[in-house]
Protein backbone atom coordinates (compact mmCIF):
# COMPACT_ATOMS: atom_id res chain seq x y z
CA MET A 1 40.30 20.43 -5.37
CA ARG A 2 43.66 22.35 -4.97
CA LYS A 3 44.07 24.67 -2.10
CA LEU A 4 45.49 28.31 -2.10
CA VAL A 5 48.01 28.50 0.59
CA HIS A 6 49.25 31.76 1.86
CA TYR A 7 52.75 30.74 2.94
CA VAL A 8 54.42 33.85 4.24
CA ALA A 9 57.11 35.14 6.67
CA THR A 10 55.80 37.73 9.35
CA THR A 11 57.10 39.54 12.32
CA LEU A 12 55.51 39.16 15.79
CA ASP A 13 53.65 42.34 15.16
CA GLY A 14 52.21 41.13 11.79
CA PHE A 15 54.46 42.83 9.24
CA ILE A 16 55.89 41.04 6.10
CA ALA A 17 58.25 43.90 5.28
CA GLY A 18 59.40 47.24 6.48
CA PRO A 19 57.73 50.67 5.39
CA ASP A 20 59.94 50.65 2.05
CA GLY A 21 58.84 47.25 0.99
CA ALA A 22 62.38 46.03 0.52
CA ASP A 23 63.12 42.33 0.99
CA PRO A 24 63.62 41.92 4.71
CA THR A 25 66.02 38.99 4.18
CA GLY A 26 68.26 40.97 1.85
CA PRO A 27 71.37 43.05 2.41
CA GLY A 28 70.80 45.25 5.49
CA GLY A 29 67.42 43.44 6.08
CA PHE A 30 66.14 42.90 9.61
CA TRP A 31 65.05 39.31 9.26
CA PRO A 32 67.03 36.94 11.56
CA ILE A 33 68.26 34.00 9.38
CA GLU A 34 69.49 31.17 11.67
CA GLN A 35 70.85 27.90 10.68
CA ASP A 36 67.92 25.91 12.13
CA TYR A 37 65.49 28.14 10.06
CA ILE A 38 67.30 27.64 6.87
CA ALA A 39 67.57 23.86 7.58
CA HIS A 40 63.87 23.51 8.23
CA LEU A 41 62.95 25.47 5.03
CA ALA A 42 65.13 23.03 2.98
CA ALA A 43 63.66 19.98 4.64
CA GLU A 44 60.04 20.94 4.83
CA TYR A 45 59.36 23.46 2.10
CA PRO A 46 62.20 23.01 -0.56
CA GLU A 47 60.12 24.20 -3.51
CA THR A 48 59.85 27.53 -1.70
CA LEU A 49 63.36 28.34 -1.79
CA PRO A 50 64.42 30.66 -4.57
CA VAL A 51 66.75 29.21 -7.22
CA GLN A 52 69.95 30.88 -5.85
CA ALA A 53 69.23 29.61 -2.34
CA ARG A 54 68.63 26.09 -3.79
CA GLN A 55 71.86 26.22 -5.69
CA ALA A 56 73.78 27.40 -2.69
CA LEU A 57 72.37 24.67 -0.42
CA SER A 58 72.42 21.97 -3.07
CA VAL A 59 68.67 21.47 -2.95
CA THR A 60 67.30 19.54 -5.65
CA ALA A 61 64.03 18.18 -4.10
CA GLU A 62 60.83 19.05 -5.83
CA GLY A 63 58.85 19.28 -2.71
CA THR A 64 55.42 17.75 -2.14
CA ARG A 65 53.31 20.81 -1.38
CA PHE A 66 53.17 23.27 -4.24
CA ASP A 67 53.70 23.26 -8.13
CA THR A 68 52.47 26.82 -8.82
CA VAL A 69 53.55 30.25 -7.20
CA LEU A 70 51.47 33.43 -7.44
CA GLU A 71 53.35 36.77 -7.00
CA GLY A 72 52.37 40.43 -7.30
CA ARG A 73 54.22 42.92 -9.48
CA ARG A 74 55.93 44.74 -6.56
CA SER A 75 57.11 41.60 -4.93
CA TYR A 76 58.32 40.18 -8.30
CA GLU A 77 60.23 43.37 -8.94
CA ILE A 78 62.47 42.92 -5.96
CA GLY A 79 63.86 39.80 -7.35
CA LEU A 80 64.13 41.50 -10.93
CA ALA A 81 66.02 44.34 -9.57
CA ALA A 82 68.47 41.86 -8.10
CA GLY A 83 69.01 40.41 -11.55
CA ILE A 84 66.69 37.39 -11.02
CA PRO A 85 63.80 37.36 -13.66
CA ASP A 86 62.59 34.00 -12.30
CA ALA A 87 63.40 32.97 -8.77
CA TYR A 88 61.16 29.68 -9.12
CA PRO A 89 61.98 28.01 -12.37
CA HIS A 90 60.92 24.76 -10.88
CA LEU A 91 57.41 25.96 -10.31
CA ARG A 92 54.87 27.46 -12.57
CA HIS A 93 55.29 31.06 -11.89
CA LEU A 94 52.39 33.58 -12.24
CA VAL A 95 52.93 37.45 -11.78
CA PHE A 96 49.79 39.48 -11.49
CA SER A 97 50.18 42.99 -13.16
CA ARG A 98 48.49 45.40 -15.33
CA THR A 99 51.54 47.42 -16.05
CA LEU A 100 54.05 44.94 -17.08
CA THR A 101 53.47 44.12 -20.75
CA GLU A 102 56.22 41.84 -21.57
CA SER A 103 57.60 39.11 -19.21
CA PRO A 104 61.34 39.40 -18.55
CA ASP A 105 61.49 35.61 -18.47
CA PRO A 106 59.78 33.25 -20.85
CA ALA A 107 58.77 30.93 -18.05
CA VAL A 108 57.19 33.74 -15.94
CA GLU A 109 53.46 34.18 -16.98
CA LEU A 110 52.09 37.79 -16.65
CA VAL A 111 48.40 37.78 -15.72
CA ALA A 112 46.37 41.00 -16.10
CA ASP A 113 43.09 39.19 -15.25
CA ASP A 114 41.06 39.40 -12.04
CA PRO A 115 43.11 37.44 -9.41
CA VAL A 116 40.10 35.90 -7.82
CA ALA A 117 38.78 34.46 -11.13
CA THR A 118 42.23 33.22 -12.03
CA VAL A 119 42.75 31.50 -8.81
CA ARG A 120 39.32 29.76 -8.98
CA LYS A 121 40.33 28.32 -12.33
CA LEU A 122 43.60 27.16 -10.92
CA LYS A 123 42.07 25.44 -8.04
CA GLU A 124 39.84 23.34 -10.51
CA ALA A 125 42.83 22.14 -12.39
CA ASP A 126 44.79 19.06 -11.56
CA GLY A 127 48.05 19.53 -9.57
CA LYS A 128 49.52 20.25 -6.25
CA ASP A 129 48.45 23.28 -4.06
CA ILE A 130 48.97 26.78 -5.16
CA TRP A 131 51.51 28.87 -3.15
CA LEU A 132 50.45 32.63 -2.80
CA LEU A 133 53.87 34.29 -2.26
CA GLY A 134 52.59 37.84 -1.86
CA GLY A 135 52.80 40.68 -1.44
CA ALA A 136 50.21 42.28 0.70
CA GLU A 137 48.34 43.82 -2.27
CA LEU A 138 47.74 40.40 -3.86
CA ALA A 139 47.04 38.74 -0.64
CA GLY A 140 44.36 41.31 0.21
CA SER A 141 42.70 40.79 -3.13
CA LEU A 142 42.75 37.13 -2.67
CA TYR A 143 41.73 37.13 1.18
CA GLY A 144 38.48 35.45 0.51
CA GLU A 145 40.20 32.59 -1.61
CA ILE A 146 42.89 31.62 0.94
CA ASP A 147 42.15 28.04 2.27
CA THR A 148 45.42 27.63 4.36
CA LEU A 149 47.83 29.85 6.23
CA ILE A 150 51.49 28.91 6.87
CA LEU A 151 53.02 31.65 8.92
CA LYS A 152 56.80 31.80 9.37
CA VAL A 153 56.79 33.96 12.37
CA ALA A 154 60.20 35.52 13.38
CA PRO A 155 61.09 36.47 16.90
CA VAL A 156 61.36 40.17 15.91
CA THR A 157 59.02 43.26 15.95
CA ILE A 158 59.54 46.29 13.76
CA GLY A 159 56.79 48.72 14.85
CA ASP A 160 55.64 49.72 11.32
CA GLY A 161 55.84 48.34 7.94
CA ILE A 162 53.74 46.40 5.29
CA PRO A 163 51.03 44.14 6.94
CA LEU A 164 50.06 40.49 6.23
CA PHE A 165 47.19 41.85 4.05
CA SER A 166 46.84 45.22 2.31
CA ARG A 167 43.84 47.43 2.96
CA LYS A 168 42.25 45.97 -0.06
CA ALA A 169 41.08 43.03 1.99
CA ALA A 170 37.43 43.40 3.06
CA PHE A 171 36.55 43.26 6.73
CA GLU A 172 35.41 39.67 6.81
CA PRO A 173 36.39 37.84 10.00
CA ARG A 174 37.50 34.23 9.35
CA LEU A 175 37.90 31.32 11.73
CA TRP A 176 41.06 29.19 11.40
CA THR A 177 42.08 25.88 13.10
CA LEU A 178 45.62 25.27 13.96
CA THR A 179 46.66 22.06 12.47
CA ASN A 180 50.39 21.95 12.75
CA HIS A 181 53.20 23.98 14.40
CA THR A 182 56.95 23.77 14.63
CA VAL A 183 59.00 25.66 17.20
CA LEU A 184 62.74 26.07 16.32
CA GLY A 185 65.45 26.70 18.86
CA SER A 186 66.32 29.95 17.46
CA GLY A 187 62.86 31.29 18.29
CA ALA A 188 61.14 31.09 14.86
CA VAL A 189 57.75 29.49 14.85
CA PHE A 190 56.07 27.75 11.79
CA LEU A 191 52.21 27.79 12.26
CA THR A 192 49.71 26.13 9.92
CA TYR A 193 45.94 27.06 9.92
CA GLU A 194 43.17 25.65 7.92
CA ARG A 195 40.23 27.85 7.28
CA THR A 196 37.13 26.40 8.99
CA GLY A 197 34.54 29.14 7.94
CA ASP A 198 33.33 32.68 8.46
CA ARG A 199 32.77 34.09 11.87
CA PRO A 200 29.10 34.23 12.72
CA PRO A 201 27.62 37.62 13.09
CA ALA A 202 27.11 38.94 16.69
CA GLU A 203 23.68 38.65 18.24
């Protein structure tokens, strides 16, 4: 069965964006983008690079991890505001929204249905794993469905911002096993965790 993988960048203090929700890697962003970080993304996660980055880096590899990307409306609209209606034309691209009524790009699928039910159907279908891009609201809604966490941890703290999961996530402690890690010379760390179960209740 396919897995839902939350592959996401986070600060040391657990934030995926600043309080305004803007792209931390965009103009004026706080994210440290070093050459070894870009090279690692291109080599290990080429399908997660947006189309403009793939073109700039001459990346054509399909990748071996994902063939589907899931995105919430707010996250999607960051790219849309930059004039990019589909940042991932090489993947099946689903955007969850109850307010968008018409897709800005014919290849982008708008989904108004329950994210949990949608993900469970996707897991049963054939294909590679499913990439949960974000943002925090969608990740919070799908908290219980996440099978794998791949955290791109930057050597930066910001003090306040949008957390890894929104407050929509229920208080349900999970246990995770570290299965892979990569430490880059610039200080960024890639951590892969597989879900191993729920935390047993305290006696």
